[in-house]
Amino acid sequence: MEQDYLDFTNLQGKLQKHEIFENELQSNHDRLEYLSDIGGKMIENDHYACDNIKTILKEIADSWSSLLETCQHKKQKLTEAYNEMLYNRGVTDLENWLNEIEVDLGNEEYGSDLATVRSLSKIS
């Protein structure tokens, strides 16, 4: 499985692409059900390749389940990575704001008259 979630580049785009893939899977689910129904009817009617049909249906069902599980896992990881990226951005913004405040607080200029105090308070 690809590990796109490890690279924070364009995570929103990766999530959207993954959602499109999930929609495509859902749209093909009916085809899977149709083939399963036909295979089941063939087995019920004692088709000459009954054992082969059972094997194929089992392989298809197992592959489909594995695909859905992998798809869900990838979506979870992409979502977690996207949330982490948003959190990191928030932390960075807060750190930048705190650094600005620290600089302002470290300013030794207190102002000697009302005009200077107002000017300094507008800077902050």
Protein backbone atom coordinates (compact mmCIF):
# COMPACT_ATOMS: atom_id res chain seq x y z
CA MET A 1 0.00 0.00 0.00
CA GLU A 2 1.20 3.46 -0.83
CA GLN A 3 2.05 5.62 2.13
CA ASP A 4 0.88 8.97 0.71
CA TYR A 5 -0.09 10.08 4.19
CA LEU A 6 3.57 10.29 5.20
CA ASP A 7 4.10 13.17 2.76
CA PHE A 8 2.16 16.27 3.83
CA THR A 9 2.34 17.72 0.31
CA ASN A 10 -1.17 18.30 -1.05
CA LEU A 11 -2.97 16.14 1.51
CA GLN A 12 -6.30 17.75 0.75
CA GLY A 13 -5.91 16.77 -2.91
CA LYS A 14 -4.94 13.24 -1.91
CA LEU A 15 -8.04 12.98 0.28
CA GLN A 16 -10.24 14.18 -2.58
CA LYS A 17 -8.60 11.70 -4.97
CA HIS A 18 -9.18 8.93 -2.44
CA GLU A 19 -12.86 9.87 -2.11
CA ILE A 20 -13.23 9.64 -5.89
CA PHE A 21 -11.65 6.18 -5.73
CA GLU A 22 -14.06 5.15 -2.96
CA ASN A 23 -17.00 6.34 -5.07
CA GLU A 24 -15.71 4.28 -7.97
CA LEU A 25 -15.52 1.23 -5.71
CA GLN A 26 -19.09 1.78 -4.58
CA SER A 27 -20.29 2.15 -8.15
CA ASN A 28 -18.74 -1.23 -9.00
CA HIS A 29 -20.22 -3.02 -6.01
CA ASP A 30 -23.36 -3.81 -8.02
CA ARG A 31 -21.23 -5.62 -10.61
CA LEU A 32 -19.74 -7.74 -7.85
CA GLU A 33 -23.19 -8.58 -6.50
CA TYR A 34 -24.43 -9.42 -10.00
CA LEU A 35 -21.53 -11.82 -10.64
CA SER A 36 -21.99 -13.37 -7.23
CA ASP A 37 -25.70 -13.93 -7.88
CA ILE A 38 -25.06 -15.50 -11.27
CA GLY A 39 -22.34 -17.73 -9.84
CA GLY A 40 -24.63 -18.76 -6.98
CA LYS A 41 -27.38 -19.70 -9.41
CA MET A 42 -24.92 -21.70 -11.49
CA ILE A 43 -23.84 -23.57 -8.36
CA GLU A 44 -27.49 -24.21 -7.39
CA ASN A 45 -28.14 -25.63 -10.87
CA ASP A 46 -25.18 -28.03 -10.53
CA HIS A 47 -23.15 -26.44 -13.30
CA TYR A 48 -20.38 -28.75 -14.52
CA ALA A 49 -17.72 -26.23 -13.27
CA CYS A 50 -19.36 -25.86 -9.88
CA ASP A 51 -16.14 -26.32 -7.88
CA ASN A 52 -14.26 -23.84 -10.06
CA ILE A 53 -17.09 -21.30 -9.74
CA LYS A 54 -17.05 -21.64 -5.93
CA THR A 55 -13.29 -21.07 -5.88
CA ILE A 56 -13.53 -18.03 -8.12
CA LEU A 57 -16.40 -16.53 -6.11
CA LYS A 58 -14.44 -17.02 -2.89
CA GLU A 59 -11.32 -15.40 -4.38
CA ILE A 60 -13.36 -12.45 -5.64
CA ALA A 61 -15.10 -12.00 -2.29
CA ASP A 62 -11.80 -12.20 -0.40
CA SER A 63 -10.10 -9.76 -2.78
CA TRP A 64 -13.02 -7.33 -2.51
CA SER A 65 -12.96 -7.48 1.30
CA SER A 66 -9.22 -6.92 1.31
CA LEU A 67 -9.56 -3.99 -1.08
CA LEU A 68 -12.26 -2.35 1.08
CA GLU A 69 -10.20 -2.87 4.22
CA THR A 70 -7.09 -1.39 2.62
CA CYS A 71 -9.11 1.51 1.25
CA GLN A 72 -10.57 2.27 4.68
CA HIS A 73 -7.11 2.06 6.29
CA LYS A 74 -5.65 4.47 3.76
CA LYS A 75 -8.53 6.91 4.24
CA GLN A 76 -8.00 6.80 7.99
CA LYS A 77 -4.27 7.46 7.63
CA LEU A 78 -4.81 10.30 5.13
CA THR A 79 -7.39 11.88 7.44
CA GLU A 80 -5.07 11.56 10.44
CA ALA A 81 -2.21 13.10 8.49
CA TYR A 82 -4.42 15.95 7.28
CA ASN A 83 -5.56 16.65 10.84
CA GLU A 84 -1.94 16.56 12.01
CA MET A 85 -0.97 19.02 9.29
CA LEU A 86 -3.77 21.40 10.36
CA TYR A 87 -2.70 21.05 13.99
CA ASN A 88 0.93 21.77 13.10
CA ARG A 89 -0.12 24.87 11.18
CA GLY A 90 -2.10 26.07 14.19
CA VAL A 91 0.87 25.48 16.47
CA THR A 92 3.18 27.36 14.08
CA ASP A 93 0.74 30.29 13.93
CA LEU A 94 0.53 30.39 17.71
CA GLU A 95 4.32 30.19 18.09
CA ASN A 96 4.75 33.05 15.63
CA TRP A 97 2.22 35.15 17.51
CA LEU A 98 3.94 34.38 20.83
CA ASN A 99 7.31 35.35 19.38
CA GLU A 100 5.87 38.69 18.26
CA ILE A 101 4.43 39.25 21.74
CA GLU A 102 7.77 38.37 23.36
CA VAL A 103 9.54 40.90 21.13
CA ASP A 104 6.99 43.56 22.06
CA LEU A 105 7.31 42.73 25.75
CA GLY A 106 11.08 42.82 25.52
CA ASN A 107 10.95 46.36 24.18
CA GLU A 108 12.56 48.65 26.73
CA GLU A 109 10.76 51.69 25.35
CA TYR A 110 7.96 52.62 27.74
CA GLY A 111 7.26 56.07 26.49
CA SER A 112 7.81 59.33 28.28
CA ASP A 113 4.64 61.11 27.22
CA LEU A 114 1.10 60.22 26.16
CA ALA A 115 1.80 60.43 22.41
CA THR A 116 4.72 57.99 22.65
CA VAL A 117 2.72 55.56 24.81
CA ARG A 118 -0.15 55.62 22.29
CA SER A 119 2.28 55.10 19.43
CA LEU A 120 3.90 52.14 21.18
CA SER A 121 0.53 50.58 22.07
CA LYS A 122 -0.55 50.72 18.39
CA ILE A 123 2.53 48.77 17.34
CA SER A 124 1.55 45.82 19.51
